[in-house]
PDB file of N, CA and C in Angstrom:
ATOM      1  N   MET A   1     -33.021 -28.159  19.874  1.00  0.00           N
ATOM      2  CA  MET A   1     -32.916 -27.241  18.748  1.00  0.00           C
ATOM      3  C   MET A   1     -32.056 -26.039  19.112  1.00  0.00           C
ATOM      4  N   LYS A   2     -31.291 -25.581  18.128  1.00  0.00           N
ATOM      5  CA  LYS A   2     -30.445 -24.421  18.349  1.00  0.00           C
ATOM      6  C   LYS A   2     -31.273 -23.152  18.170  1.00  0.00           C
ATOM      7  N   GLN A   3     -31.145 -22.273  19.135  1.00  0.00           N
ATOM      8  CA  GLN A   3     -31.888 -21.025  19.087  1.00  0.00           C
ATOM      9  C   GLN A   3     -31.165 -20.064  18.141  1.00  0.00           C
ATOM     10  N   SER A   4     -31.908 -19.386  17.271  1.00  0.00           N
ATOM     11  CA  SER A   4     -31.283 -18.442  16.348  1.00  0.00           C
ATOM     12  C   SER A   4     -30.801 -17.214  17.105  1.00  0.00           C
ATOM     13  N   GLN A   5     -29.685 -16.673  16.616  1.00  0.00           N
ATOM     14  CA  GLN A   5     -29.095 -15.515  17.283  1.00  0.00           C
ATOM     15  C   GLN A   5     -29.799 -14.234  16.853  1.00  0.00           C
ATOM     16  N   ASN A   6     -29.770 -13.295  17.739  1.00  0.00           N
ATOM     17  CA  ASN A   6     -30.292 -11.969  17.476  1.00  0.00           C
ATOM     18  C   ASN A   6     -29.464 -11.341  16.353  1.00  0.00           C
ATOM     19  N   PRO A   7     -30.091 -10.710  15.362  1.00  0.00           N
ATOM     20  CA  PRO A   7     -29.330 -10.108  14.255  1.00  0.00           C
ATOM     21  C   PRO A   7     -28.295  -9.087  14.739  1.00  0.00           C
ATOM     22  N   PHE A   8     -28.610  -8.366  15.810  1.00  0.00           N
ATOM     23  CA  PHE A   8     -27.664  -7.385  16.336  1.00  0.00           C
ATOM     24  C   PHE A   8     -26.434  -8.069  16.925  1.00  0.00           C
ATOM     25  N   GLU A   9     -26.626  -9.237  17.519  1.00  0.00           N
ATOM     26  CA  GLU A   9     -25.488  -9.997  18.039  1.00  0.00           C
ATOM     27  C   GLU A   9     -24.582 -10.452  16.892  1.00  0.00           C
ATOM     28  N   LEU A  10     -25.210 -10.892  15.802  1.00  0.00           N
ATOM     29  CA  LEU A  10     -24.429 -11.318  14.639  1.00  0.00           C
ATOM     30  C   LEU A  10     -23.626 -10.149  14.067  1.00  0.00           C
ATOM     31  N   ILE A  11     -24.243  -8.983  13.987  1.00  0.00           N
ATOM     32  CA  ILE A  11     -23.551  -7.808  13.473  1.00  0.00           C
ATOM     33  C   ILE A  11     -22.376  -7.464  14.384  1.00  0.00           C
ATOM     34  N   THR A  12     -22.589  -7.525  15.692  1.00  0.00           N
ATOM     35  CA  THR A  12     -21.529  -7.235  16.653  1.00  0.00           C
ATOM     36  C   THR A  12     -20.378  -8.213  16.493  1.00  0.00           C
ATOM     37  N   ILE A  13     -20.692  -9.475  16.320  1.00  0.00           N
ATOM     38  CA  ILE A  13     -19.659 -10.499  16.134  1.00  0.00           C
ATOM     39  C   ILE A  13     -18.856 -10.204  14.868  1.00  0.00           C
ATOM     40  N   HIS A  14     -19.544  -9.877  13.775  1.00  0.00           N
ATOM     41  CA  HIS A  14     -18.857  -9.582  12.512  1.00  0.00           C
ATOM     42  C   HIS A  14     -18.002  -8.320  12.621  1.00  0.00           C
ATOM     43  N   LEU A  15     -18.517  -7.305  13.282  1.00  0.00           N
ATOM     44  CA  LEU A  15     -17.745  -6.073  13.459  1.00  0.00           C
ATOM     45  C   LEU A  15     -16.477  -6.328  14.276  1.00  0.00           C
ATOM     46  N   ASN A  16     -16.596  -7.138  15.309  1.00  0.00           N
ATOM     47  CA  ASN A  16     -15.419  -7.476  16.117  1.00  0.00           C
ATOM     48  C   ASN A  16     -14.381  -8.225  15.295  1.00  0.00           C
ATOM     49  N   THR A  17     -14.848  -9.123  14.451  1.00  0.00           N
ATOM     50  CA  THR A  17     -13.945  -9.867  13.575  1.00  0.00           C
ATOM     51  C   THR A  17     -13.235  -8.924  12.612  1.00  0.00           C
ATOM     52  N   ILE A  18     -13.968  -7.993  12.047  1.00  0.00           N
ATOM     53  CA  ILE A  18     -13.383  -7.017  11.115  1.00  0.00           C
ATOM     54  C   ILE A  18     -12.368  -6.137  11.838  1.00  0.00           C
ATOM     55  N   GLU A  19     -12.692  -5.686  13.035  1.00  0.00           N
ATOM     56  CA  GLU A  19     -11.768  -4.846  13.801  1.00  0.00           C
ATOM     57  C   GLU A  19     -10.471  -5.592  14.108  1.00  0.00           C
ATOM     58  N   ARG A  20     -10.575  -6.865  14.488  1.00  0.00           N
ATOM     59  CA  ARG A  20      -9.368  -7.654  14.757  1.00  0.00           C
ATOM     60  C   ARG A  20      -8.534  -7.812  13.485  1.00  0.00           C
ATOM     61  N   SER A  21      -9.220  -8.035  12.365  1.00  0.00           N
ATOM     62  CA  SER A  21      -8.525  -8.188  11.094  1.00  0.00           C
ATOM     63  C   SER A  21      -7.831  -6.887  10.694  1.00  0.00           C
ATOM     64  N   ASN A  22      -8.516  -5.761  10.850  1.00  0.00           N
ATOM     65  CA  ASN A  22      -7.920  -4.464  10.524  1.00  0.00           C
ATOM     66  C   ASN A  22      -6.709  -4.192  11.402  1.00  0.00           C
ATOM     67  N   HIS A  23      -6.823  -4.525  12.678  1.00  0.00           N
ATOM     68  CA  HIS A  23      -5.704  -4.312  13.595  1.00  0.00           C
ATOM     69  C   HIS A  23      -4.503  -5.149  13.176  1.00  0.00           C
ATOM     70  N   ARG A  24      -4.748  -6.393  12.792  1.00  0.00           N
ATOM     71  CA  ARG A  24      -3.666  -7.271  12.337  1.00  0.00           C
ATOM     72  C   ARG A  24      -2.995  -6.684  11.099  1.00  0.00           C
ATOM     73  N   ILE A  25      -3.784  -6.204  10.157  1.00  0.00           N
ATOM     74  CA  ILE A  25      -3.240  -5.620   8.933  1.00  0.00           C
ATOM     75  C   ILE A  25      -2.425  -4.365   9.258  1.00  0.00           C
ATOM     76  N   GLU A  26      -2.942  -3.531  10.151  1.00  0.00           N
ATOM     77  CA  GLU A  26      -2.208  -2.325  10.547  1.00  0.00           C
ATOM     78  C   GLU A  26      -0.870  -2.681  11.187  1.00  0.00           C
ATOM     79  N   MET A  27      -0.852  -3.719  12.003  1.00  0.00           N
ATOM     80  CA  MET A  27       0.393  -4.145  12.640  1.00  0.00           C
ATOM     81  C   MET A  27       1.381  -4.670  11.600  1.00  0.00           C
ATOM     82  N   GLU A  28       0.897  -5.460  10.644  1.00  0.00           N
ATOM     83  CA  GLU A  28       1.763  -5.967   9.582  1.00  0.00           C
ATOM     84  C   GLU A  28       2.316  -4.811   8.756  1.00  0.00           C
ATOM     85  N   LEU A  29       1.466  -3.842   8.480  1.00  0.00           N
ATOM     86  CA  LEU A  29       1.884  -2.680   7.711  1.00  0.00           C
ATOM     87  C   LEU A  29       2.951  -1.891   8.454  1.00  0.00           C
ATOM     88  N   ARG A  30       2.750  -1.679   9.757  1.00  0.00           N
ATOM     89  CA  ARG A  30       3.731  -0.965  10.563  1.00  0.00           C
ATOM     90  C   ARG A  30       5.058  -1.722  10.585  1.00  0.00           C
ATOM     91  N   ASP A  31       4.989  -3.027  10.776  1.00  0.00           N
ATOM     92  CA  ASP A  31       6.204  -3.835  10.805  1.00  0.00           C
ATOM     93  C   ASP A  31       6.930  -3.781   9.464  1.00  0.00           C
ATOM     94  N   LEU A  32       6.170  -3.795   8.383  1.00  0.00           N
ATOM     95  CA  LEU A  32       6.774  -3.749   7.059  1.00  0.00           C
ATOM     96  C   LEU A  32       7.442  -2.396   6.825  1.00  0.00           C
ATOM     97  N   LYS A  33       6.794  -1.316   7.230  1.00  0.00           N
ATOM     98  CA  LYS A  33       7.380   0.013   7.060  1.00  0.00           C
ATOM     99  C   LYS A  33       8.652   0.157   7.880  1.00  0.00           C
ATOM    100  N   ILE A  34       8.676  -0.431   9.067  1.00  0.00           N
ATOM    101  CA  ILE A  34       9.868  -0.358   9.913  1.00  0.00           C
ATOM    102  C   ILE A  34      10.989  -1.193   9.305  1.00  0.00           C
ATOM    103  N   GLY A  35      10.658  -2.400   8.839  1.00  0.00           N
ATOM    104  CA  GLY A  35      11.669  -3.327   8.331  1.00  0.00           C
ATOM    105  C   GLY A  35      12.171  -2.990   6.949  1.00  0.00           C
ATOM    106  N   CYS A  36      11.309  -2.513   6.107  1.00  0.00           N
ATOM    107  CA  CYS A  36      11.668  -2.231   4.721  1.00  0.00           C
ATOM    108  C   CYS A  36      10.955  -0.955   4.306  1.00  0.00           C
ATOM    109  N   PRO A  37      11.681   0.141   4.154  1.00  0.00           N
ATOM    110  CA  PRO A  37      11.020   1.411   3.862  1.00  0.00           C
ATOM    111  C   PRO A  37      10.266   1.377   2.534  1.00  0.00           C
ATOM    112  N   ASN A  38       9.059   1.859   2.588  1.00  0.00           N
ATOM    113  CA  ASN A  38       8.205   1.887   1.402  1.00  0.00           C
ATOM    114  C   ASN A  38       7.462   3.205   1.330  1.00  0.00           C
ATOM    115  N   TYR A  39       7.037   3.534   0.119  1.00  0.00           N
ATOM    116  CA  TYR A  39       6.153   4.671  -0.104  1.00  0.00           C
ATOM    117  C   TYR A  39       4.751   4.156  -0.406  1.00  0.00           C
ATOM    118  N   THR A  40       3.751   4.955  -0.087  1.00  0.00           N
ATOM    119  CA  THR A  40       2.415   4.697  -0.608  1.00  0.00           C
ATOM    120  C   THR A  40       2.428   5.134  -2.068  1.00  0.00           C
ATOM    121  N   ARG A  41       1.380   4.818  -2.803  1.00  0.00           N
ATOM    122  CA  ARG A  41       1.294   5.247  -4.198  1.00  0.00           C
ATOM    123  C   ARG A  41       1.354   6.771  -4.293  1.00  0.00           C
ATOM    124  N   SER A  42       0.633   7.432  -3.399  1.00  0.00           N
ATOM    125  CA  SER A  42       0.604   8.910  -3.410  1.00  0.00           C
ATOM    126  C   SER A  42       1.983   9.496  -3.119  1.00  0.00           C
ATOM    127  N   GLU A  43       2.671   8.917  -2.137  1.00  0.00           N
ATOM    128  CA  GLU A  43       4.018   9.394  -1.804  1.00  0.00           C
ATOM    129  C   GLU A  43       4.972   9.186  -2.978  1.00  0.00           C
ATOM    130  N   ALA A  44       4.884   8.025  -3.615  1.00  0.00           N
ATOM    131  CA  ALA A  44       5.752   7.736  -4.763  1.00  0.00           C
ATOM    132  C   ALA A  44       5.468   8.720  -5.900  1.00  0.00           C
ATOM    133  N   ALA A  45       4.190   9.013  -6.124  1.00  0.00           N
ATOM    134  CA  ALA A  45       3.825   9.967  -7.176  1.00  0.00           C
ATOM    135  C   ALA A  45       4.400  11.347  -6.870  1.00  0.00           C
ATOM    136  N   GLU A  46       4.345  11.744  -5.613  1.00  0.00           N
ATOM    137  CA  GLU A  46       4.879  13.047  -5.216  1.00  0.00           C
ATOM    138  C   GLU A  46       6.394  13.113  -5.420  1.00  0.00           C
ATOM    139  N   VAL A  47       7.095  12.050  -4.996  1.00  0.00           N
ATOM    140  CA  VAL A  47       8.555  12.008  -5.139  1.00  0.00           C
ATOM    141  C   VAL A  47       8.947  12.082  -6.616  1.00  0.00           C
ATOM    142  N   LEU A  48       8.224  11.347  -7.458  1.00  0.00           N
ATOM    143  CA  LEU A  48       8.558  11.308  -8.877  1.00  0.00           C
ATOM    144  C   LEU A  48       7.973  12.477  -9.662  1.00  0.00           C
ATOM    145  N   GLY A  49       7.037  13.205  -9.047  1.00  0.00           N
ATOM    146  CA  GLY A  49       6.392  14.323  -9.740  1.00  0.00           C
ATOM    147  C   GLY A  49       5.468  13.863 -10.851  1.00  0.00           C
ATOM    148  N   VAL A  50       4.770  12.736 -10.600  1.00  0.00           N
ATOM    149  CA  VAL A  50       3.851  12.184 -11.602  1.00  0.00           C
ATOM    150  C   VAL A  50       2.484  11.956 -10.953  1.00  0.00           C
ATOM    151  N   SER A  51       1.518  11.554 -11.762  1.00  0.00           N
ATOM    152  CA  SER A  51       0.163  11.294 -11.270  1.00  0.00           C
ATOM    153  C   SER A  51       0.027   9.849 -10.785  1.00  0.00           C
ATOM    154  N   LEU A  52      -1.063   9.559 -10.071  1.00  0.00           N
ATOM    155  CA  LEU A  52      -1.332   8.189  -9.627  1.00  0.00           C
ATOM    156  C   LEU A  52      -1.497   7.227 -10.811  1.00  0.00           C
ATOM    157  N   PRO A  53      -2.207   7.631 -11.896  1.00  0.00           N
ATOM    158  CA  PRO A  53      -2.279   6.720 -13.043  1.00  0.00           C
ATOM    159  C   PRO A  53      -0.897   6.385 -13.627  1.00  0.00           C
ATOM    160  N   THR A  54       0.021   7.347 -13.577  1.00  0.00           N
ATOM    161  CA  THR A  54       1.380   7.073 -14.063  1.00  0.00           C
ATOM    162  C   THR A  54       2.069   6.063 -13.153  1.00  0.00           C
ATOM    163  N   ILE A  55       1.871   6.193 -11.842  1.00  0.00           N
ATOM    164  CA  ILE A  55       2.419   5.196 -10.904  1.00  0.00           C
ATOM    165  C   ILE A  55       1.864   3.821 -11.247  1.00  0.00           C
ATOM    166  N   ASP A  56       0.559   3.743 -11.507  1.00  0.00           N
ATOM    167  CA  ASP A  56      -0.059   2.458 -11.864  1.00  0.00           C
ATOM    168  C   ASP A  56       0.537   1.902 -13.155  1.00  0.00           C
ATOM    169  N   ARG A  57       0.816   2.764 -14.133  1.00  0.00           N
ATOM    170  CA  ARG A  57       1.437   2.307 -15.379  1.00  0.00           C
ATOM    171  C   ARG A  57       2.858   1.798 -15.121  1.00  0.00           C
ATOM    172  N   LEU A  58       3.589   2.477 -14.239  1.00  0.00           N
ATOM    173  CA  LEU A  58       4.953   2.027 -13.904  1.00  0.00           C
ATOM    174  C   LEU A  58       4.920   0.668 -13.210  1.00  0.00           C
ATOM    175  N   ILE A  59       3.886   0.443 -12.392  1.00  0.00           N
ATOM    176  CA  ILE A  59       3.736  -0.864 -11.741  1.00  0.00           C
ATOM    177  C   ILE A  59       3.395  -1.923 -12.788  1.00  0.00           C
ATOM    178  N   THR A  60       2.450  -1.602 -13.680  1.00  0.00           N
ATOM    179  CA  THR A  60       2.035  -2.549 -14.716  1.00  0.00           C
ATOM    180  C   THR A  60       3.202  -2.907 -15.637  1.00  0.00           C
ATOM    181  N   SER A  61       4.031  -1.914 -15.952  1.00  0.00           N
ATOM    182  CA  SER A  61       5.175  -2.163 -16.837  1.00  0.00           C
ATOM    183  C   SER A  61       6.367  -2.750 -16.079  1.00  0.00           C
ATOM    184  N   GLN A  62       6.179  -3.021 -14.796  1.00  0.00           N
ATOM    185  CA  GLN A  62       7.170  -3.646 -13.919  1.00  0.00           C
ATOM    186  C   GLN A  62       8.420  -2.794 -13.714  1.00  0.00           C
ATOM    187  N   LYS A  63       8.274  -1.481 -13.866  1.00  0.00           N
ATOM    188  CA  LYS A  63       9.372  -0.578 -13.519  1.00  0.00           C
ATOM    189  C   LYS A  63       9.363  -0.303 -12.025  1.00  0.00           C
ATOM    190  N   LEU A  64       8.216  -0.533 -11.382  1.00  0.00           N
ATOM    191  CA  LEU A  64       8.072  -0.459  -9.930  1.00  0.00           C
ATOM    192  C   LEU A  64       7.386  -1.724  -9.447  1.00  0.00           C
ATOM    193  N   THR A  65       7.759  -2.175  -8.264  1.00  0.00           N
ATOM    194  CA  THR A  65       7.151  -3.352  -7.652  1.00  0.00           C
ATOM    195  C   THR A  65       6.128  -2.893  -6.631  1.00  0.00           C
ATOM    196  N   LYS A  66       4.969  -3.543  -6.624  1.00  0.00           N
ATOM    197  CA  LYS A  66       3.985  -3.187  -5.601  1.00  0.00           C
ATOM    198  C   LYS A  66       3.941  -4.262  -4.537  1.00  0.00           C
ATOM    199  N   ILE A  67       3.681  -3.815  -3.319  1.00  0.00           N
ATOM    200  CA  ILE A  67       3.508  -4.712  -2.182  1.00  0.00           C
ATOM    201  C   ILE A  67       2.099  -4.463  -1.671  1.00  0.00           C
ATOM    202  N   LYS A  68       1.256  -5.483  -1.707  1.00  0.00           N
ATOM    203  CA  LYS A  68      -0.128  -5.340  -1.246  1.00  0.00           C
ATOM    204  C   LYS A  68      -0.249  -5.870   0.169  1.00  0.00           C
ATOM    205  N   ILE A  69      -0.806  -5.036   1.038  1.00  0.00           N
ATOM    206  CA  ILE A  69      -1.151  -5.454   2.398  1.00  0.00           C
ATOM    207  C   ILE A  69      -2.576  -4.986   2.629  1.00  0.00           C
ATOM    208  N   GLY A  70      -3.481  -5.940   2.629  1.00  0.00           N
ATOM    209  CA  GLY A  70      -4.893  -5.560   2.718  1.00  0.00           C
ATOM    210  C   GLY A  70      -5.231  -4.705   1.512  1.00  0.00           C
ATOM    211  N   SER A  71      -5.781  -3.533   1.761  1.00  0.00           N
ATOM    212  CA  SER A  71      -6.119  -2.632   0.662  1.00  0.00           C
ATOM    213  C   SER A  71      -4.997  -1.647   0.350  1.00  0.00           C
ATOM    214  N   LYS A  72      -3.918  -1.679   1.127  1.00  0.00           N
ATOM    215  CA  LYS A  72      -2.788  -0.765   0.933  1.00  0.00           C
ATOM    216  C   LYS A  72      -1.861  -1.284  -0.162  1.00  0.00           C
ATOM    217  N   THR A  73      -1.420  -0.377  -1.013  1.00  0.00           N
ATOM    218  CA  THR A  73      -0.396  -0.698  -2.007  1.00  0.00           C
ATOM    219  C   THR A  73       0.840   0.109  -1.657  1.00  0.00           C
ATOM    220  N   LEU A  74       1.940  -0.583  -1.437  1.00  0.00           N
ATOM    221  CA  LEU A  74       3.201   0.068  -1.100  1.00  0.00           C
ATOM    222  C   LEU A  74       4.216  -0.197  -2.202  1.00  0.00           C
ATOM    223  N   ILE A  75       5.164   0.733  -2.308  1.00  0.00           N
ATOM    224  CA  ILE A  75       6.207   0.630  -3.322  1.00  0.00           C
ATOM    225  C   ILE A  75       7.547   0.849  -2.624  1.00  0.00           C
ATOM    226  N   PRO A  76       8.507  -0.054  -2.829  1.00  0.00           N
ATOM    227  CA  PRO A  76       9.808   0.103  -2.174  1.00  0.00           C
ATOM    228  C   PRO A  76      10.449   1.462  -2.476  1.00  0.00           C
ATOM    229  N   LYS A  77      10.895   2.131  -1.414  1.00  0.00           N
ATOM    230  CA  LYS A  77      11.502   3.461  -1.565  1.00  0.00           C
ATOM    231  C   LYS A  77      12.731   3.421  -2.457  1.00  0.00           C
ATOM    232  N   ASP A  78      13.529   2.365  -2.351  1.00  0.00           N
ATOM    233  CA  ASP A  78      14.757   2.320  -3.143  1.00  0.00           C
ATOM    234  C   ASP A  78      14.455   2.330  -4.641  1.00  0.00           C
ATOM    235  N   GLN A  79      13.382   1.656  -5.063  1.00  0.00           N
ATOM    236  CA  GLN A  79      13.017   1.652  -6.479  1.00  0.00           C
ATOM    237  C   GLN A  79      12.575   3.039  -6.935  1.00  0.00           C
ATOM    238  N   VAL A  80      11.760   3.691  -6.093  1.00  0.00           N
ATOM    239  CA  VAL A  80      11.273   5.032  -6.432  1.00  0.00           C
ATOM    240  C   VAL A  80      12.455   6.000  -6.506  1.00  0.00           C
ATOM    241  N   ASN A  81      13.357   5.905  -5.528  1.00  0.00           N
ATOM    242  CA  ASN A  81      14.509   6.809  -5.498  1.00  0.00           C
ATOM    243  C   ASN A  81      15.443   6.575  -6.690  1.00  0.00           C
ATOM    244  N   GLU A  82      15.620   5.310  -7.089  1.00  0.00           N
ATOM    245  CA  GLU A  82      16.435   5.003  -8.272  1.00  0.00           C
ATOM    246  C   GLU A  82      15.803   5.596  -9.527  1.00  0.00           C
ATOM    247  N   LEU A  83      14.494   5.433  -9.641  1.00  0.00           N
ATOM    248  CA  LEU A  83      13.778   5.971 -10.799  1.00  0.00           C
ATOM    249  C   LEU A  83      13.865   7.497 -10.805  1.00  0.00           C
ATOM    250  N   ALA A  84      13.717   8.106  -9.632  1.00  0.00           N
ATOM    251  CA  ALA A  84      13.816   9.568  -9.529  1.00  0.00           C
ATOM    252  C   ALA A  84      15.214  10.039  -9.914  1.00  0.00           C
ATOM    253  N   ALA A  85      16.249   9.322  -9.458  1.00  0.00           N
ATOM    254  CA  ALA A  85      17.627   9.682  -9.793  1.00  0.00           C
ATOM    255  C   ALA A  85      17.867   9.550 -11.294  1.00  0.00           C
ATOM    256  N   GLY A  86      17.308   8.518 -11.903  1.00  0.00           N
ATOM    257  CA  GLY A  86      17.426   8.328 -13.348  1.00  0.00           C
ATOM    258  C   GLY A  86      16.735   9.435 -14.113  1.00  0.00           C
ATOM    259  N   ASN A  87      15.581   9.868 -13.614  1.00  0.00           N
ATOM    260  CA  ASN A  87      14.852  10.967 -14.271  1.00  0.00           C
ATOM    261  C   ASN A  87      15.617  12.271 -14.169  1.00  0.00           C
ATOM    262  N   GLU A  88      16.264  12.513 -13.020  1.00  0.00           N
ATOM    263  CA  GLU A  88      17.034  13.742 -12.825  1.00  0.00           C
ATOM    264  C   GLU A  88      18.250  13.751 -13.753  1.00  0.00           C
ATOM    265  N   GLN A  89      18.904  12.596 -13.902  1.00  0.00           N
ATOM    266  CA  GLN A  89      20.083  12.521 -14.758  1.00  0.00           C
ATOM    267  C   GLN A  89      19.700  12.754 -16.209  1.00  0.00           C
ATOM    268  N   SER A  90      18.586  12.153 -16.662  1.00  0.00           N
ATOM    269  CA  SER A  90      18.195  12.305 -18.061  1.00  0.00           C
ATOM    270  C   SER A  90      17.727  13.725 -18.363  1.00  0.00           C
ATOM    271  N   SER A  91      17.106  14.413 -17.381  1.00  0.00           N
ATOM    272  CA  SER A  91      16.669  15.783 -17.628  1.00  0.00           C
ATOM    273  C   SER A  91      17.825  16.765 -17.525  1.00  0.00           C
ATOM    274  N   SER A  92      18.865  16.453 -16.763  1.00  0.00           N
ATOM    275  CA  SER A  92      20.019  17.352 -16.685  1.00  0.00           C
ATOM    276  C   SER A  92      20.929  17.185 -17.902  1.00  0.00           C
ATOM    277  N   ALA A  93      20.821  16.051 -18.578  1.00  0.00           N
ATOM    278  CA  ALA A  93      21.636  15.814 -19.776  1.00  0.00           C
ATOM    279  C   ALA A  93      21.079  16.554 -20.981  1.00  0.00           C
ATOM    280  N   VAL A  94      19.849  17.012 -20.899  1.00  0.00           N
ATOM    281  CA  VAL A  94      19.204  17.694 -22.044  1.00  0.00           C
ATOM    282  C   VAL A  94      19.589  19.123 -22.124  1.00  0.00           C
TER     283      VAL A  94
END
């Protein structure tokens, strides 16, 4: 018969698995930021001078593309910068 494991051992095993998974996600995120510059939602909102809900609406309306890595949502910097440049041009034309 197989002996049941101590609940604390099971918790330790699960925590180790989660830590390895988090580390993998952090490495993927770092590699993605190095390879392709991106903003977080908060950074994109700051650059555009809008709120987080507005960023979410821009993503939903497909004016911005989101990249999901784990729980992180990233937005390509070039898209944000293009949108910011378009906003500056339209406000200077007024």
